[in-house]
Protein backbone atom coordinates (compact mmCIF):
# COMPACT_ATOMS: atom_id res chain seq x y z
CA CYS A 1 137.95 69.90 95.84
CA LYS A 2 139.54 69.04 92.49
CA CYS A 3 137.08 66.21 92.22
CA TYR A 4 134.09 68.52 92.98
CA LYS A 5 135.40 71.01 90.33
CA HIS A 6 135.64 68.31 87.55
CA PHE A 7 132.22 66.70 88.54
CA MET A 8 130.51 70.09 88.40
CA ARG A 9 131.98 71.08 85.10
CA ALA A 10 131.44 67.75 83.62
CA SER A 11 128.00 67.16 84.62
CA ARG A 12 126.62 70.70 84.80
CA LEU A 13 123.12 70.68 85.85
CA HIS A 14 123.03 66.91 86.47
CA PHE A 15 125.08 67.92 89.56
CA THR A 16 122.39 70.03 91.26
CA PRO A 17 121.10 67.25 93.43
CA CYS A 18 124.50 67.14 95.05
CA LEU A 19 124.94 70.97 95.24
CA ALA A 20 123.51 71.74 98.71
CA GLN A 21 125.35 69.00 100.50
CA MET A 22 128.71 69.91 98.56
CA ILE A 23 128.22 73.52 99.79
CA ASP A 24 127.75 72.37 103.24
CA HIS A 25 130.86 70.26 103.09
CA LEU A 26 132.90 73.25 101.56
CA THR A 27 131.69 75.85 104.04
CA GLY A 28 131.92 73.45 106.91
CA HIS A 29 135.52 72.37 106.09
CA PHE A 30 136.71 75.87 105.43
CA ALA A 31 135.42 76.93 108.81
CA ARG A 32 137.43 74.07 110.40
CA THR A 33 140.53 74.16 108.37
CA LYS A 34 140.84 77.75 106.92
CA VAL A 35 142.27 76.14 103.70
CA ASP A 36 141.73 78.39 100.65
CA THR A 37 141.11 75.63 98.26
CA PHE A 38 137.50 75.44 99.61
CA LEU A 39 137.03 79.03 98.47
CA TYR A 40 138.23 78.26 95.09
CA THR A 41 135.75 75.38 94.76
CA GLY A 42 133.10 77.77 95.94
CA SER A 43 133.95 80.06 93.04
CA ILE A 44 133.54 77.29 90.64
CA CYS A 45 130.07 76.50 92.14
CA ILE A 46 129.25 80.28 91.46
CA THR A 47 130.51 80.02 87.81
CA GLU A 48 128.52 76.85 87.16
CA PHE A 49 125.28 77.58 88.93
CA GLY A 50 125.15 81.47 89.37
CA ARG A 51 123.43 82.37 86.15
CA ASP A 52 120.44 80.21 87.22
CA ALA A 53 118.14 82.18 89.65
CA ARG A 54 117.06 79.01 91.30
CA TYR A 55 120.42 78.73 92.98
CA SER A 56 121.10 82.34 93.91
CA ASP A 57 119.83 81.91 97.41
CA MET A 58 121.81 78.80 98.06
CA LEU A 59 125.04 80.45 96.53
CA PHE A 60 124.32 83.60 98.60
CA ASN A 61 124.11 81.56 101.85
CA MET A 62 127.37 79.90 100.71
CA LEU A 63 128.94 83.41 100.36
CA VAL A 64 127.63 84.42 103.83
CA LYS A 65 129.17 81.38 105.43
CA PHE A 66 132.61 81.85 103.62
CA SER A 67 132.51 85.49 104.69
CA GLU A 68 131.89 84.90 108.28
CA THR A 69 134.98 82.55 108.39
CA THR A 70 137.10 84.73 106.42
CA PHE A 71 136.34 87.71 108.48
CA SER A 72 137.16 85.68 111.48
CA ILE A 73 140.55 84.99 110.03
CA LEU A 74 141.29 88.55 108.73
CA VAL A 75 141.07 90.35 112.04
CA ASN A 76 144.04 92.55 111.69
CA PRO A 77 146.65 93.78 109.14
CA ASP A 78 149.02 90.85 110.18
CA ALA A 79 146.38 88.34 109.47
CA PHE A 80 146.15 89.65 105.88
CA VAL A 81 149.79 89.24 105.48
CA GLN A 82 149.75 85.69 106.98
CA ASN A 83 146.85 84.51 104.73
CA PRO A 84 147.44 86.13 101.45
CA THR A 85 145.79 83.20 99.50
CA VAL A 86 142.85 83.38 101.61
CA VAL A 87 142.48 87.05 100.72
CA GLU A 88 143.11 86.21 97.12
CA GLU A 89 140.64 83.40 96.78
CA PHE A 90 137.89 85.11 98.92
CA PHE A 91 137.90 88.19 96.80
CA PHE A 92 137.91 86.14 93.57
CA LEU A 93 134.95 84.27 94.94
CA VAL A 94 133.12 87.52 95.73
CA GLY A 95 134.14 88.90 92.18
CA ARG A 96 132.60 85.91 90.61
CA PHE A 97 129.45 86.43 92.58
CA LEU A 98 129.25 90.04 91.41
CA GLN A 99 129.61 88.67 87.81
CA PHE A 100 127.05 85.94 87.95
CA CYS A 101 124.35 86.60 90.58
CA PRO A 102 125.05 90.02 92.25
CA ARG A 103 121.53 91.11 93.34
CA PRO A 104 121.53 89.11 96.63
CA LEU A 105 124.83 90.56 97.80
CA LEU A 106 124.14 94.08 96.66
CA GLU A 107 120.78 94.05 98.44
CA SER A 108 122.46 92.81 101.79
CA ARG A 109 124.51 94.48 104.37
CA LEU A 110 127.23 91.92 103.69
CA VAL A 111 128.49 94.00 100.83
CA GLU A 112 129.54 96.84 103.10
CA SER A 113 131.65 94.34 105.20
CA ILE A 114 133.22 92.87 102.05
CA VAL A 115 134.15 96.32 100.67
CA MET A 116 135.69 97.41 103.96
CA CYS A 117 137.70 94.18 104.25
CA GLY A 118 138.75 94.75 100.55
CA VAL A 119 139.92 98.16 101.42
CA ALA A 120 142.19 96.65 104.10
CA GLY A 121 143.33 94.16 101.66
CA LEU A 122 144.49 96.74 99.20
CA LYS A 123 147.27 97.76 101.73
CA LEU A 124 148.61 94.15 101.49
CA ASP A 125 152.10 93.99 99.89
CA HIS A 126 151.23 90.65 98.11
CA ARG A 127 150.67 90.69 94.23
CA LYS A 128 148.28 87.79 94.02
CA ALA A 129 146.12 88.96 97.04
CA GLN A 130 145.94 92.55 95.78
CA THR A 131 145.00 91.09 92.40
CA GLY A 132 141.98 89.30 94.02
CA VAL A 133 140.91 92.46 95.92
CA ILE A 134 141.21 94.69 92.72
CA THR A 135 139.39 92.24 90.61
CA CYS A 136 136.57 92.06 93.00
CA MET A 137 136.40 95.92 93.08
CA GLU A 138 136.52 96.06 89.42
CA ASN A 139 133.60 93.60 89.19
CA LEU A 140 131.69 95.68 91.53
CA VAL A 141 132.14 98.75 89.42
CA ASN A 142 131.42 96.81 86.24
CA CYS A 143 128.22 95.41 87.74
CA GLY A 144 126.96 98.97 87.96
CA ALA A 145 128.19 100.05 84.68
CA LYS A 146 127.26 97.02 82.57
CA GLY A 147 124.68 95.37 84.91
CA ALA A 148 121.61 97.14 83.52
CA GLU A 149 121.65 94.96 80.51
CA ARG A 150 120.99 92.00 82.76
CA ASP A 151 119.08 93.55 85.62
CA PRO A 152 117.96 97.28 85.44
CA GLY A 153 118.19 97.65 89.21
CA LEU A 154 121.82 96.72 89.54
CA PRO A 155 123.35 100.16 88.62
CA ALA A 156 121.35 101.72 91.40
CA LEU A 157 122.43 99.20 93.95
CA VAL A 158 126.09 99.67 92.95
CA GLU A 159 125.79 103.28 93.15
CA GLN A 160 124.56 103.10 96.73
CA VAL A 161 127.57 100.95 97.72
CA LEU A 162 129.91 103.26 95.89
CA ALA A 163 128.42 106.42 97.48
CA ALA A 164 128.97 104.94 100.89
CA HIS A 165 132.23 103.34 100.35
CA GLY A 166 133.82 104.71 97.00
CA SER A 167 136.05 107.10 98.68
CA ALA A 168 137.67 104.59 100.92
CA MET A 169 138.20 102.32 97.85
CA VAL A 170 140.03 104.99 96.11
């Protein structure tokens, strides 16, 4: 994963021919091993390629696969306690997605599951894990408050999410 991170950052857009294969590797290995390092590397993908609309579908599909695995891990409160680094890295990944290419997530039903999972994560007594969840929630709110500069439709999408789930977040 460290090699991927350094290759992506060093070669920038020259890395794109390898991106789909790397994403398949990351999501597949995360599904098998449940090791949070793959989530971290996925976050780097979003940071490096998320501003380019050509990659938003690919990155969203990556997020969907990571979410499916994460939700299969975090099935009850004890699972959150036993996997705080997965909680932390997953919500940092989602937070980055909201910073760099939020529209596909905000237009999907996945955002509801992520918010509800985040609400459960807020109850976790683990500083780093809670920091990941809170950062993600903050990025969601900021996406609505400041997102119109980038995409005029974002505030309305965020408002829908907050209208449905904002009370649970508070």
